[in-house]
């Protein structure tokens, strides 16, 4: 996989297939393409100690320990389709597009497909 290209998108439901949270399912809430990592809801939770900041009057933050999701590598998650996991493929599909003046033309678009069922994701 080339750096910067990923098959998992924000909003996908994924299952963790490796690591301390193996078997957990969750929704992708963030994608870090450059680092090839994803942030999954409820997975890889870490505690972060924050300092009290009184700068800016009312806009100051309260201190304490915050629990948040940390990114995990995209190779450790797999897309969930129905009740099973699947690999992701791509297929070129011909579509008819319309220009502002009303004329139509043929174009191709790339769609994600399930490797198990062949259906569009």
PDB file of N, CA and C in Angstrom:
ATOM      1  N   UNK A   1       0.844  -1.179   0.000  1.00  0.00           N
ATOM      2  CA  UNK A   1       0.000   0.000   0.000  1.00  0.00           C
ATOM      3  C   UNK A   1       0.888   1.242   0.000  1.00  0.00           C
ATOM      4  N   UNK A   2       0.624   2.116  -0.924  1.00  0.00           N
ATOM      5  CA  UNK A   2       1.422   3.339  -1.028  1.00  0.00           C
ATOM      6  C   UNK A   2       1.127   4.262   0.144  1.00  0.00           C
ATOM      7  N   UNK A   3       2.133   5.002   0.532  1.00  0.00           N
ATOM      8  CA  UNK A   3       1.951   5.915   1.661  1.00  0.00           C
ATOM      9  C   UNK A   3       0.915   6.974   1.284  1.00  0.00           C
ATOM     10  N   UNK A   4      -0.069   7.149   2.134  1.00  0.00           N
ATOM     11  CA  UNK A   4      -1.107   8.127   1.868  1.00  0.00           C
ATOM     12  C   UNK A   4      -2.373   7.525   1.293  1.00  0.00           C
ATOM     13  N   UNK A   5      -2.330   6.244   0.880  1.00  0.00           N
ATOM     14  CA  UNK A   5      -3.537   5.605   0.361  1.00  0.00           C
ATOM     15  C   UNK A   5      -4.003   4.554   1.367  1.00  0.00           C
ATOM     16  N   UNK A   6      -5.284   4.636   1.716  1.00  0.00           N
ATOM     17  CA  UNK A   6      -5.841   3.695   2.682  1.00  0.00           C
ATOM     18  C   UNK A   6      -7.225   3.233   2.254  1.00  0.00           C
ATOM     19  N   UNK A   7      -7.554   1.993   2.606  1.00  0.00           N
ATOM     20  CA  UNK A   7      -8.847   1.433   2.237  1.00  0.00           C
ATOM     21  C   UNK A   7      -9.931   1.715   3.268  1.00  0.00           C
ATOM     22  N   UNK A   8      -9.523   2.009   4.490  1.00  0.00           N
ATOM     23  CA  UNK A   8     -10.476   2.277   5.565  1.00  0.00           C
ATOM     24  C   UNK A   8     -10.795   3.768   5.588  1.00  0.00           C
ATOM     25  N   UNK A   9     -12.087   4.083   5.745  1.00  0.00           N
ATOM     26  CA  UNK A   9     -12.520   5.480   5.757  1.00  0.00           C
ATOM     27  C   UNK A   9     -13.219   5.804   7.066  1.00  0.00           C
ATOM     28  N   UNK A  10     -13.337   7.096   7.342  1.00  0.00           N
ATOM     29  CA  UNK A  10     -14.055   7.566   8.517  1.00  0.00           C
ATOM     30  C   UNK A  10     -15.511   7.114   8.410  1.00  0.00           C
ATOM     31  N   UNK A  11     -16.038   6.585   9.498  1.00  0.00           N
ATOM     32  CA  UNK A  11     -17.427   6.120   9.498  1.00  0.00           C
ATOM     33  C   UNK A  11     -17.567   4.621   9.292  1.00  0.00           C
ATOM     34  N   UNK A  12     -16.518   3.943   8.821  1.00  0.00           N
ATOM     35  CA  UNK A  12     -16.560   2.491   8.633  1.00  0.00           C
ATOM     36  C   UNK A  12     -16.602   1.789   9.988  1.00  0.00           C
ATOM     37  N   UNK A  13     -17.251   0.635  10.038  1.00  0.00           N
ATOM     38  CA  UNK A  13     -17.207  -0.208  11.228  1.00  0.00           C
ATOM     39  C   UNK A  13     -16.109  -1.233  11.013  1.00  0.00           C
ATOM     40  N   UNK A  14     -15.176  -1.293  11.957  1.00  0.00           N
ATOM     41  CA  UNK A  14     -14.034  -2.196  11.814  1.00  0.00           C
ATOM     42  C   UNK A  14     -13.902  -3.094  13.037  1.00  0.00           C
ATOM     43  N   UNK A  15     -13.186  -4.208  12.852  1.00  0.00           N
ATOM     44  CA  UNK A  15     -12.887  -5.140  13.930  1.00  0.00           C
ATOM     45  C   UNK A  15     -11.383  -5.173  14.105  1.00  0.00           C
ATOM     46  N   UNK A  16     -10.920  -5.121  15.350  1.00  0.00           N
ATOM     47  CA  UNK A  16      -9.479  -5.170  15.635  1.00  0.00           C
ATOM     48  C   UNK A  16      -9.044  -6.631  15.547  1.00  0.00           C
ATOM     49  N   UNK A  17      -8.019  -6.908  14.724  1.00  0.00           N
ATOM     50  CA  UNK A  17      -7.578  -8.286  14.501  1.00  0.00           C
ATOM     51  C   UNK A  17      -6.242  -8.585  15.177  1.00  0.00           C
ATOM     52  N   UNK A  18      -5.613  -7.576  15.794  1.00  0.00           N
ATOM     53  CA  UNK A  18      -4.339  -7.805  16.469  1.00  0.00           C
ATOM     54  C   UNK A  18      -4.161  -6.776  17.581  1.00  0.00           C
ATOM     55  N   UNK A  19      -3.408  -7.145  18.600  1.00  0.00           N
ATOM     56  CA  UNK A  19      -3.107  -6.212  19.684  1.00  0.00           C
ATOM     57  C   UNK A  19      -3.926  -6.482  20.926  1.00  0.00           C
ATOM     58  N   UNK A  20      -3.816  -5.598  21.911  1.00  0.00           N
ATOM     59  CA  UNK A  20      -4.472  -5.809  23.210  1.00  0.00           C
ATOM     60  C   UNK A  20      -5.988  -5.740  23.139  1.00  0.00           C
ATOM     61  N   UNK A  21      -6.533  -5.055  22.140  1.00  0.00           N
ATOM     62  CA  UNK A  21      -7.987  -4.946  21.979  1.00  0.00           C
ATOM     63  C   UNK A  21      -8.518  -5.875  20.898  1.00  0.00           C
ATOM     64  N   UNK A  22      -7.819  -6.985  20.635  1.00  0.00           N
ATOM     65  CA  UNK A  22      -8.214  -7.931  19.586  1.00  0.00           C
ATOM     66  C   UNK A  22      -9.647  -8.406  19.805  1.00  0.00           C
ATOM     67  N   UNK A  23     -10.435  -8.382  18.715  1.00  0.00           N
ATOM     68  CA  UNK A  23     -11.819  -8.827  18.780  1.00  0.00           C
ATOM     69  C   UNK A  23     -12.810  -7.697  18.980  1.00  0.00           C
ATOM     70  N   UNK A  24     -12.331  -6.514  19.374  1.00  0.00           N
ATOM     71  CA  UNK A  24     -13.234  -5.386  19.609  1.00  0.00           C
ATOM     72  C   UNK A  24     -13.688  -4.779  18.290  1.00  0.00           C
ATOM     73  N   UNK A  25     -14.950  -4.365  18.258  1.00  0.00           N
ATOM     74  CA  UNK A  25     -15.496  -3.693  17.079  1.00  0.00           C
ATOM     75  C   UNK A  25     -15.816  -2.258  17.434  1.00  0.00           C
ATOM     76  N   UNK A  26     -15.665  -1.380  16.452  1.00  0.00           N
ATOM     77  CA  UNK A  26     -15.984   0.020  16.680  1.00  0.00           C
ATOM     78  C   UNK A  26     -16.015   0.791  15.384  1.00  0.00           C
ATOM     79  N   UNK A  27     -16.473   2.033  15.495  1.00  0.00           N
ATOM     80  CA  UNK A  27     -16.588   2.908  14.334  1.00  0.00           C
ATOM     81  C   UNK A  27     -15.317   3.741  14.212  1.00  0.00           C
ATOM     82  N   UNK A  28     -14.850   3.931  12.995  1.00  0.00           N
ATOM     83  CA  UNK A  28     -13.660   4.754  12.761  1.00  0.00           C
ATOM     84  C   UNK A  28     -14.067   6.217  12.927  1.00  0.00           C
ATOM     85  N   UNK A  29     -13.403   6.911  13.871  1.00  0.00           N
ATOM     86  CA  UNK A  29     -13.745   8.323  14.117  1.00  0.00           C
ATOM     87  C   UNK A  29     -12.678   9.264  13.579  1.00  0.00           C
ATOM     88  N   UNK A  30     -11.567   8.701  13.092  1.00  0.00           N
ATOM     89  CA  UNK A  30     -10.520   9.534  12.516  1.00  0.00           C
ATOM     90  C   UNK A  30      -9.535   8.704  11.720  1.00  0.00           C
ATOM     91  N   UNK A  31      -8.994   9.285  10.660  1.00  0.00           N
ATOM     92  CA  UNK A  31      -8.007   8.607   9.816  1.00  0.00           C
ATOM     93  C   UNK A  31      -6.791   9.512   9.677  1.00  0.00           C
ATOM     94  N   UNK A  32      -5.620   8.975  10.019  1.00  0.00           N
ATOM     95  CA  UNK A  32      -4.356   9.705   9.870  1.00  0.00           C
ATOM     96  C   UNK A  32      -3.614   9.055   8.695  1.00  0.00           C
ATOM     97  N   UNK A  33      -3.801   9.603   7.508  1.00  0.00           N
ATOM     98  CA  UNK A  33      -3.271   8.970   6.297  1.00  0.00           C
ATOM     99  C   UNK A  33      -1.753   8.929   6.254  1.00  0.00           C
ATOM    100  N   UNK A  34      -1.098  10.008   6.685  1.00  0.00           N
ATOM    101  CA  UNK A  34       0.369  10.061   6.603  1.00  0.00           C
ATOM    102  C   UNK A  34       1.004   8.999   7.488  1.00  0.00           C
ATOM    103  N   UNK A  35       0.419   8.762   8.669  1.00  0.00           N
ATOM    104  CA  UNK A  35       0.987   7.776   9.594  1.00  0.00           C
ATOM    105  C   UNK A  35       0.408   6.379   9.382  1.00  0.00           C
ATOM    106  N   UNK A  36      -0.557   6.220   8.459  1.00  0.00           N
ATOM    107  CA  UNK A  36      -1.237   4.957   8.186  1.00  0.00           C
ATOM    108  C   UNK A  36      -1.915   4.414   9.443  1.00  0.00           C
ATOM    109  N   UNK A  37      -2.588   5.294  10.166  1.00  0.00           N
ATOM    110  CA  UNK A  37      -3.251   4.904  11.410  1.00  0.00           C
ATOM    111  C   UNK A  37      -4.705   5.361  11.417  1.00  0.00           C
ATOM    112  N   UNK A  38      -5.511   4.654  12.209  1.00  0.00           N
ATOM    113  CA  UNK A  38      -6.915   5.015  12.359  1.00  0.00           C
ATOM    114  C   UNK A  38      -7.246   5.122  13.847  1.00  0.00           C
ATOM    115  N   UNK A  39      -8.235   5.963  14.178  1.00  0.00           N
ATOM    116  CA  UNK A  39      -8.712   6.086  15.546  1.00  0.00           C
ATOM    117  C   UNK A  39     -10.092   5.429  15.578  1.00  0.00           C
ATOM    118  N   UNK A  40     -10.219   4.378  16.409  1.00  0.00           N
ATOM    119  CA  UNK A  40     -11.456   3.607  16.479  1.00  0.00           C
ATOM    120  C   UNK A  40     -12.127   3.870  17.824  1.00  0.00           C
ATOM    121  N   UNK A  41     -13.443   4.083  17.771  1.00  0.00           N
ATOM    122  CA  UNK A  41     -14.231   4.382  18.960  1.00  0.00           C
ATOM    123  C   UNK A  41     -14.158   3.239  19.971  1.00  0.00           C
ATOM    124  N   UNK A  42     -13.720   3.558  21.196  1.00  0.00           N
ATOM    125  CA  UNK A  42     -13.677   2.572  22.271  1.00  0.00           C
ATOM    126  C   UNK A  42     -12.500   1.618  22.236  1.00  0.00           C
ATOM    127  N   UNK A  43     -11.557   1.824  21.320  1.00  0.00           N
ATOM    128  CA  UNK A  43     -10.414   0.916  21.169  1.00  0.00           C
ATOM    129  C   UNK A  43      -9.117   1.676  21.440  1.00  0.00           C
ATOM    130  N   UNK A  44      -8.164   1.014  22.087  1.00  0.00           N
ATOM    131  CA  UNK A  44      -6.848   1.579  22.402  1.00  0.00           C
ATOM    132  C   UNK A  44      -6.984   2.860  23.226  1.00  0.00           C
ATOM    133  N   UNK A  45      -7.751   2.769  24.304  1.00  0.00           N
ATOM    134  CA  UNK A  45      -7.972   3.933  25.170  1.00  0.00           C
ATOM    135  C   UNK A  45      -6.765   4.158  26.070  1.00  0.00           C
ATOM    136  N   UNK A  46      -6.328   5.401  26.140  1.00  0.00           N
ATOM    137  CA  UNK A  46      -5.175   5.763  26.971  1.00  0.00           C
ATOM    138  C   UNK A  46      -5.568   6.896  27.907  1.00  0.00           C
ATOM    139  N   UNK A  47      -4.904   6.956  29.059  1.00  0.00           N
ATOM    140  CA  UNK A  47      -5.159   8.028  30.018  1.00  0.00           C
ATOM    141  C   UNK A  47      -4.145   9.133  29.797  1.00  0.00           C
ATOM    142  N   UNK A  48      -4.632  10.353  29.744  1.00  0.00           N
ATOM    143  CA  UNK A  48      -3.780  11.501  29.485  1.00  0.00           C
ATOM    144  C   UNK A  48      -3.921  12.476  30.648  1.00  0.00           C
ATOM    145  N   UNK A  49      -2.801  12.864  31.246  1.00  0.00           N
ATOM    146  CA  UNK A  49      -2.823  13.805  32.356  1.00  0.00           C
ATOM    147  C   UNK A  49      -2.756  15.220  31.796  1.00  0.00           C
ATOM    148  N   UNK A  50      -3.732  16.045  32.161  1.00  0.00           N
ATOM    149  CA  UNK A  50      -3.757  17.421  31.666  1.00  0.00           C
ATOM    150  C   UNK A  50      -3.565  18.398  32.819  1.00  0.00           C
ATOM    151  N   UNK A  51      -2.962  19.495  32.498  1.00  0.00           N
ATOM    152  CA  UNK A  51      -2.627  20.533  33.467  1.00  0.00           C
ATOM    153  C   UNK A  51      -3.728  21.595  33.487  1.00  0.00           C
ATOM    154  N   UNK A  52      -3.914  22.236  34.625  1.00  0.00           N
ATOM    155  CA  UNK A  52      -4.868  23.343  34.715  1.00  0.00           C
ATOM    156  C   UNK A  52      -4.261  24.556  34.022  1.00  0.00           C
ATOM    157  N   UNK A  53      -5.002  25.149  33.075  1.00  0.00           N
ATOM    158  CA  UNK A  53      -4.533  26.328  32.356  1.00  0.00           C
ATOM    159  C   UNK A  53      -5.519  27.450  32.635  1.00  0.00           C
ATOM    160  N   UNK A  54      -5.041  28.517  33.278  1.00  0.00           N
ATOM    161  CA  UNK A  54      -5.912  29.653  33.603  1.00  0.00           C
ATOM    162  C   UNK A  54      -5.759  30.803  32.618  1.00  0.00           C
ATOM    163  N   UNK A  55      -5.040  30.557  31.550  1.00  0.00           N
ATOM    164  CA  UNK A  55      -4.782  31.604  30.563  1.00  0.00           C
ATOM    165  C   UNK A  55      -6.055  31.909  29.773  1.00  0.00           C
ATOM    166  N   UNK A  56      -6.328  33.174  29.558  1.00  0.00           N
ATOM    167  CA  UNK A  56      -7.472  33.559  28.730  1.00  0.00           C
ATOM    168  C   UNK A  56      -8.771  33.689  29.494  1.00  0.00           C
ATOM    169  N   UNK A  57      -8.727  33.846  30.793  1.00  0.00           N
ATOM    170  CA  UNK A  57      -9.948  34.084  31.559  1.00  0.00           C
ATOM    171  C   UNK A  57     -10.846  32.871  31.636  1.00  0.00           C
ATOM    172  N   UNK A  58     -12.058  32.975  31.100  1.00  0.00           N
ATOM    173  CA  UNK A  58     -13.038  31.887  31.176  1.00  0.00           C
ATOM    174  C   UNK A  58     -12.686  30.716  30.278  1.00  0.00           C
ATOM    175  N   UNK A  59     -11.817  30.939  29.299  1.00  0.00           N
ATOM    176  CA  UNK A  59     -11.481  29.897  28.331  1.00  0.00           C
ATOM    177  C   UNK A  59     -10.443  28.909  28.866  1.00  0.00           C
ATOM    178  N   UNK A  60     -10.103  28.963  30.162  1.00  0.00           N
ATOM    179  CA  UNK A  60      -9.117  28.064  30.743  1.00  0.00           C
ATOM    180  C   UNK A  60      -9.639  26.640  30.828  1.00  0.00           C
ATOM    181  N   UNK A  61      -8.711  25.656  30.798  1.00  0.00           N
ATOM    182  CA  UNK A  61      -9.104  24.251  30.884  1.00  0.00           C
ATOM    183  C   UNK A  61      -8.899  23.751  32.299  1.00  0.00           C
ATOM    184  N   UNK A  62      -9.731  22.797  32.685  1.00  0.00           N
ATOM    185  CA  UNK A  62      -9.574  22.195  34.000  1.00  0.00           C
ATOM    186  C   UNK A  62      -8.609  21.025  33.878  1.00  0.00           C
ATOM    187  N   UNK A  63      -7.853  20.785  34.921  1.00  0.00           N
ATOM    188  CA  UNK A  63      -6.876  19.701  34.902  1.00  0.00           C
ATOM    189  C   UNK A  63      -7.511  18.385  35.268  1.00  0.00           C
ATOM    190  N   UNK A  64      -6.730  17.336  35.168  1.00  0.00           N
ATOM    191  CA  UNK A  64      -7.217  16.004  35.532  1.00  0.00           C
ATOM    192  C   UNK A  64      -6.728  14.952  34.576  1.00  0.00           C
ATOM    193  N   UNK A  65      -7.321  13.772  34.701  1.00  0.00           N
ATOM    194  CA  UNK A  65      -6.944  12.651  33.847  1.00  0.00           C
ATOM    195  C   UNK A  65      -8.064  12.422  32.850  1.00  0.00           C
ATOM    196  N   UNK A  66      -7.720  12.490  31.579  1.00  0.00           N
ATOM    197  CA  UNK A  66      -8.692  12.313  30.497  1.00  0.00           C
ATOM    198  C   UNK A  66      -8.409  10.979  29.804  1.00  0.00           C
ATOM    199  N   UNK A  67      -9.460  10.198  29.558  1.00  0.00           N
ATOM    200  CA  UNK A  67      -9.316   8.949  28.821  1.00  0.00           C
ATOM    201  C   UNK A  67      -9.740   9.205  27.380  1.00  0.00           C
ATOM    202  N   UNK A  68      -8.847   8.899  26.445  1.00  0.00           N
ATOM    203  CA  UNK A  68      -9.136   9.139  25.026  1.00  0.00           C
ATOM    204  C   UNK A  68      -8.624   7.979  24.186  1.00  0.00           C
ATOM    205  N   UNK A  69      -9.126   7.894  22.958  1.00  0.00           N
ATOM    206  CA  UNK A  69      -8.680   6.855  22.034  1.00  0.00           C
ATOM    207  C   UNK A  69      -7.375   7.287  21.370  1.00  0.00           C
ATOM    208  N   UNK A  70      -6.432   6.357  21.301  1.00  0.00           N
ATOM    209  CA  UNK A  70      -5.172   6.606  20.607  1.00  0.00           C
ATOM    210  C   UNK A  70      -5.223   5.893  19.254  1.00  0.00           C
ATOM    211  N   UNK A  71      -4.465   6.376  18.267  1.00  0.00           N
ATOM    212  CA  UNK A  71      -4.489   5.737  16.951  1.00  0.00           C
ATOM    213  C   UNK A  71      -3.882   4.335  16.970  1.00  0.00           C
ATOM    214  N   UNK A  72      -4.412   3.451  16.105  1.00  0.00           N
ATOM    215  CA  UNK A  72      -3.810   2.132  15.903  1.00  0.00           C
ATOM    216  C   UNK A  72      -3.520   1.970  14.417  1.00  0.00           C
ATOM    217  N   UNK A  73      -2.567   1.111  14.107  1.00  0.00           N
ATOM    218  CA  UNK A  73      -2.160   0.940  12.712  1.00  0.00           C
ATOM    219  C   UNK A  73      -3.281   0.293  11.911  1.00  0.00           C
ATOM    220  N   UNK A  74      -3.414   0.726  10.670  1.00  0.00           N
ATOM    221  CA  UNK A  74      -4.508   0.273   9.807  1.00  0.00           C
ATOM    222  C   UNK A  74      -4.416  -1.228   9.507  1.00  0.00           C
ATOM    223  N   UNK A  75      -3.221  -1.809   9.599  1.00  0.00           N
ATOM    224  CA  UNK A  75      -3.072  -3.239   9.338  1.00  0.00           C
ATOM    225  C   UNK A  75      -3.663  -4.088  10.453  1.00  0.00           C
ATOM    226  N   UNK A  76      -3.957  -3.474  11.599  1.00  0.00           N
ATOM    227  CA  UNK A  76      -4.520  -4.206  12.731  1.00  0.00           C
ATOM    228  C   UNK A  76      -6.043  -4.166  12.787  1.00  0.00           C
ATOM    229  N   UNK A  77      -6.669  -3.579  11.765  1.00  0.00           N
ATOM    230  CA  UNK A  77      -8.128  -3.548  11.720  1.00  0.00           C
ATOM    231  C   UNK A  77      -8.610  -4.124  10.390  1.00  0.00           C
ATOM    232  N   UNK A  78      -9.858  -4.633  10.411  1.00  0.00           N
ATOM    233  CA  UNK A  78     -10.460  -5.209   9.218  1.00  0.00           C
ATOM    234  C   UNK A  78     -11.903  -4.739   9.135  1.00  0.00           C
ATOM    235  N   UNK A  79     -12.352  -4.425   7.945  1.00  0.00           N
ATOM    236  CA  UNK A  79     -13.700  -3.909   7.737  1.00  0.00           C
ATOM    237  C   UNK A  79     -14.744  -4.966   8.067  1.00  0.00           C
ATOM    238  N   UNK A  80     -15.818  -4.542   8.761  1.00  0.00           N
ATOM    239  CA  UNK A  80     -16.923  -5.436   9.090  1.00  0.00           C
ATOM    240  C   UNK A  80     -18.031  -5.225   8.067  1.00  0.00           C
ATOM    241  N   UNK A  81     -18.487  -6.346   7.476  1.00  0.00           N
ATOM    242  CA  UNK A  81     -19.599  -6.296   6.519  1.00  0.00           C
ATOM    243  C   UNK A  81     -20.634  -7.309   6.983  1.00  0.00           C
ATOM    244  N   UNK A  82     -21.792  -6.824   7.403  1.00  0.00           N
ATOM    245  CA  UNK A  82     -22.801  -7.718   7.965  1.00  0.00           C
ATOM    246  C   UNK A  82     -22.336  -8.203   9.333  1.00  0.00           C
ATOM    247  N   UNK A  83     -22.128  -9.522   9.449  1.00  0.00           N
ATOM    248  CA  UNK A  83     -21.652 -10.061  10.723  1.00  0.00           C
ATOM    249  C   UNK A  83     -20.246 -10.635  10.620  1.00  0.00           C
ATOM    250  N   UNK A  84     -19.596 -10.498   9.440  1.00  0.00           N
ATOM    251  CA  UNK A  84     -18.237 -11.004   9.269  1.00  0.00           C
ATOM    252  C   UNK A  84     -17.308  -9.897   8.785  1.00  0.00           C
ATOM    253  N   UNK A  85     -16.014 -10.194   8.820  1.00  0.00           N
ATOM    254  CA  UNK A  85     -15.032  -9.234   8.318  1.00  0.00           C
ATOM    255  C   UNK A  85     -14.720  -9.551   6.859  1.00  0.00           C
ATOM    256  N   UNK A  86     -14.230  -8.555   6.138  1.00  0.00           N
ATOM    257  CA  UNK A  86     -13.907  -8.755   4.738  1.00  0.00           C
ATOM    258  C   UNK A  86     -12.728  -7.881   4.338  1.00  0.00           C
ATOM    259  N   UNK A  87     -12.038  -8.323   3.298  1.00  0.00           N
ATOM    260  CA  UNK A  87     -11.002  -7.488   2.716  1.00  0.00           C
ATOM    261  C   UNK A  87     -11.665  -6.538   1.725  1.00  0.00           C
ATOM    262  N   UNK A  88     -10.926  -5.505   1.325  1.00  0.00           N
ATOM    263  CA  UNK A  88     -11.488  -4.477   0.451  1.00  0.00           C
ATOM    264  C   UNK A  88     -10.790  -4.498  -0.897  1.00  0.00           C
ATOM    265  N   UNK A  89     -11.583  -4.421  -1.954  1.00  0.00           N
ATOM    266  CA  UNK A  89     -11.044  -4.320  -3.295  1.00  0.00           C
ATOM    267  C   UNK A  89     -11.616  -3.083  -3.966  1.00  0.00           C
ATOM    268  N   UNK A  90     -11.131  -2.808  -5.155  1.00  0.00           N
ATOM    269  CA  UNK A  90     -11.621  -1.653  -5.907  1.00  0.00           C
ATOM    270  C   UNK A  90     -12.031  -2.088  -7.299  1.00  0.00           C
ATOM    271  N   UNK A  91     -13.064  -1.444  -7.839  1.00  0.00           N
ATOM    272  CA  UNK A  91     -13.564  -1.760  -9.165  1.00  0.00           C
ATOM    273  C   UNK A  91     -13.880  -0.454  -9.871  1.00  0.00           C
ATOM    274  N   UNK A  92     -13.555  -0.385 -11.153  1.00  0.00           N
ATOM    275  CA  UNK A  92     -13.892   0.800 -11.949  1.00  0.00           C
ATOM    276  C   UNK A  92     -15.295   0.599 -12.504  1.00  0.00           C
ATOM    277  N   UNK A  93     -16.115   1.636 -12.362  1.00  0.00           N
ATOM    278  CA  UNK A  93     -17.510   1.563 -12.768  1.00  0.00           C
ATOM    279  C   UNK A  93     -17.824   2.712 -13.720  1.00  0.00           C
ATOM    280  N   UNK A  94     -18.490   2.420 -14.818  1.00  0.00           N
ATOM    281  CA  UNK A  94     -18.856   3.459 -15.779  1.00  0.00           C
ATOM    282  C   UNK A  94     -20.157   4.115 -15.339  1.00  0.00           C
ATOM    283  N   UNK A  95     -20.132   5.443 -15.269  1.00  0.00           N
ATOM    284  CA  UNK A  95     -21.319   6.199 -14.868  1.00  0.00           C
ATOM    285  C   UNK A  95     -21.605   7.285 -15.897  1.00  0.00           C
ATOM    286  N   UNK A  96     -22.863   7.709 -15.958  1.00  0.00           N
ATOM    287  CA  UNK A  96     -23.253   8.802 -16.847  1.00  0.00           C
ATOM    288  C   UNK A  96     -23.355  10.072 -16.025  1.00  0.00           C
ATOM    289  N   UNK A  97     -22.596  11.086 -16.446  1.00  0.00           N
ATOM    290  CA  UNK A  97     -22.611  12.359 -15.736  1.00  0.00           C
ATOM    291  C   UNK A  97     -23.254  13.424 -16.610  1.00  0.00           C
ATOM    292  N   UNK A  98     -23.765  14.461 -15.952  1.00  0.00           N
ATOM    293  CA  UNK A  98     -24.456  15.531 -16.678  1.00  0.00           C
ATOM    294  C   UNK A  98     -23.697  16.845 -16.510  1.00  0.00           C
ATOM    295  N   UNK A  99     -23.500  17.540 -17.617  1.00  0.00           N
ATOM    296  CA  UNK A  99     -22.843  18.857 -17.591  1.00  0.00           C
ATOM    297  C   UNK A  99     -23.870  19.929 -17.236  1.00  0.00           C
ATOM    298  N   UNK A 100     -23.399  21.097 -16.818  1.00  0.00           N
ATOM    299  CA  UNK A 100     -24.343  22.189 -16.479  1.00  0.00           C
ATOM    300  C   UNK A 100     -25.264  22.587 -17.634  1.00  0.00           C
ATOM    301  N   UNK A 101     -24.793  22.414 -18.889  1.00  0.00           N
ATOM    302  CA  UNK A 101     -25.639  22.800 -20.033  1.00  0.00           C
ATOM    303  C   UNK A 101     -26.670  21.727 -20.391  1.00  0.00           C
ATOM    304  N   UNK A 102     -26.674  20.597 -19.670  1.00  0.00           N
ATOM    305  CA  UNK A 102     -27.687  19.562 -19.902  1.00  0.00           C
ATOM    306  C   UNK A 102     -27.185  18.357 -20.669  1.00  0.00           C
ATOM    307  N   UNK A 103     -26.034  18.464 -21.349  1.00  0.00           N
ATOM    308  CA  UNK A 103     -25.515  17.325 -22.102  1.00  0.00           C
ATOM    309  C   UNK A 103     -24.915  16.296 -21.145  1.00  0.00           C
ATOM    310  N   UNK A 104     -24.880  15.045 -21.584  1.00  0.00           N
ATOM    311  CA  UNK A 104     -24.357  13.972 -20.732  1.00  0.00           C
ATOM    312  C   UNK A 104     -23.089  13.391 -21.333  1.00  0.00           C
ATOM    313  N   UNK A 105     -22.293  12.747 -20.480  1.00  0.00           N
ATOM    314  CA  UNK A 105     -21.074  12.076 -20.934  1.00  0.00           C
ATOM    315  C   UNK A 105     -20.770  10.891 -20.031  1.00  0.00           C
ATOM    316  N   UNK A 106     -20.018   9.944 -20.575  1.00  0.00           N
ATOM    317  CA  UNK A 106     -19.634   8.741 -19.826  1.00  0.00           C
ATOM    318  C   UNK A 106     -18.335   9.013 -19.078  1.00  0.00           C
ATOM    319  N   UNK A 107     -18.260   8.555 -17.839  1.00  0.00           N
ATOM    320  CA  UNK A 107     -17.048   8.695 -17.040  1.00  0.00           C
ATOM    321  C   UNK A 107     -16.890   7.440 -16.182  1.00  0.00           C
ATOM    322  N   UNK A 108     -15.683   7.258 -15.647  1.00  0.00           N
ATOM    323  CA  UNK A 108     -15.444   6.110 -14.785  1.00  0.00           C
ATOM    324  C   UNK A 108     -15.192   6.581 -13.368  1.00  0.00           C
ATOM    325  N   UNK A 109     -15.698   5.826 -12.407  1.00  0.00           N
ATOM    326  CA  UNK A 109     -15.404   6.120 -11.011  1.00  0.00           C
ATOM    327  C   UNK A 109     -14.970   4.839 -10.322  1.00  0.00           C
ATOM    328  N   UNK A 110     -14.150   4.986  -9.306  1.00  0.00           N
ATOM    329  CA  UNK A 110     -13.636   3.848  -8.571  1.00  0.00           C
ATOM    330  C   UNK A 110     -14.512   3.615  -7.348  1.00  0.00           C
ATOM    331  N   UNK A 111     -14.962   2.386  -7.144  1.00  0.00           N
ATOM    332  CA  UNK A 111     -15.797   2.068  -5.995  1.00  0.00           C
ATOM    333  C   UNK A 111     -15.146   0.968  -5.169  1.00  0.00           C
ATOM    334  N   UNK A 112     -15.360   1.013  -3.848  1.00  0.00           N
ATOM    335  CA  UNK A 112     -14.848  -0.035  -2.970  1.00  0.00           C
ATOM    336  C   UNK A 112     -15.804  -1.214  -3.017  1.00  0.00           C
ATOM    337  N   UNK A 113     -15.254  -2.419  -3.100  1.00  0.00           N
ATOM    338  CA  UNK A 113     -16.081  -3.624  -3.099  1.00  0.00           C
ATOM    339  C   UNK A 113     -15.592  -4.587  -2.026  1.00  0.00           C
ATOM    340  N   UNK A 114     -16.500  -5.433  -1.575  1.00  0.00           N
ATOM    341  CA  UNK A 114     -16.158  -6.470  -0.611  1.00  0.00           C
ATOM    342  C   UNK A 114     -15.537  -7.641  -1.358  1.00  0.00           C
ATOM    343  N   UNK A 115     -14.405  -8.136  -0.875  1.00  0.00           N
ATOM    344  CA  UNK A 115     -13.762  -9.275  -1.513  1.00  0.00           C
ATOM    345  C   UNK A 115     -14.541 -10.566  -1.285  1.00  0.00           C
ATOM    346  N   UNK A 116     -15.341 -10.618  -0.221  1.00  0.00           N
ATOM    347  CA  UNK A 116     -16.113 -11.821   0.083  1.00  0.00           C
ATOM    348  C   UNK A 116     -17.351 -11.936  -0.788  1.00  0.00           C
ATOM    349  N   UNK A 117     -18.120 -10.842  -0.889  1.00  0.00           N
ATOM    350  CA  UNK A 117     -19.395 -10.897  -1.605  1.00  0.00           C
ATOM    351  C   UNK A 117     -19.355 -10.259  -2.986  1.00  0.00           C
ATOM    352  N   UNK A 118     -18.372  -9.376  -3.218  1.00  0.00           N
ATOM    353  CA  UNK A 118     -18.290  -8.678  -4.494  1.00  0.00           C
ATOM    354  C   UNK A 118     -19.209  -7.478  -4.577  1.00  0.00           C
ATOM    355  N   UNK A 119     -19.943  -7.203  -3.488  1.00  0.00           N
ATOM    356  CA  UNK A 119     -20.887  -6.081  -3.482  1.00  0.00           C
ATOM    357  C   UNK A 119     -20.156  -4.770  -3.168  1.00  0.00           C
ATOM    358  N   UNK A 120     -20.763  -3.667  -3.598  1.00  0.00           N
ATOM    359  CA  UNK A 120     -20.193  -2.338  -3.329  1.00  0.00           C
ATOM    360  C   UNK A 120     -20.378  -1.987  -1.852  1.00  0.00           C
ATOM    361  N   UNK A 121     -19.347  -1.372  -1.284  1.00  0.00           N
ATOM    362  CA  UNK A 121     -19.398  -0.977   0.129  1.00  0.00           C
ATOM    363  C   UNK A 121     -19.895   0.455   0.221  1.00  0.00           C
TER     364      UNK A 121
END
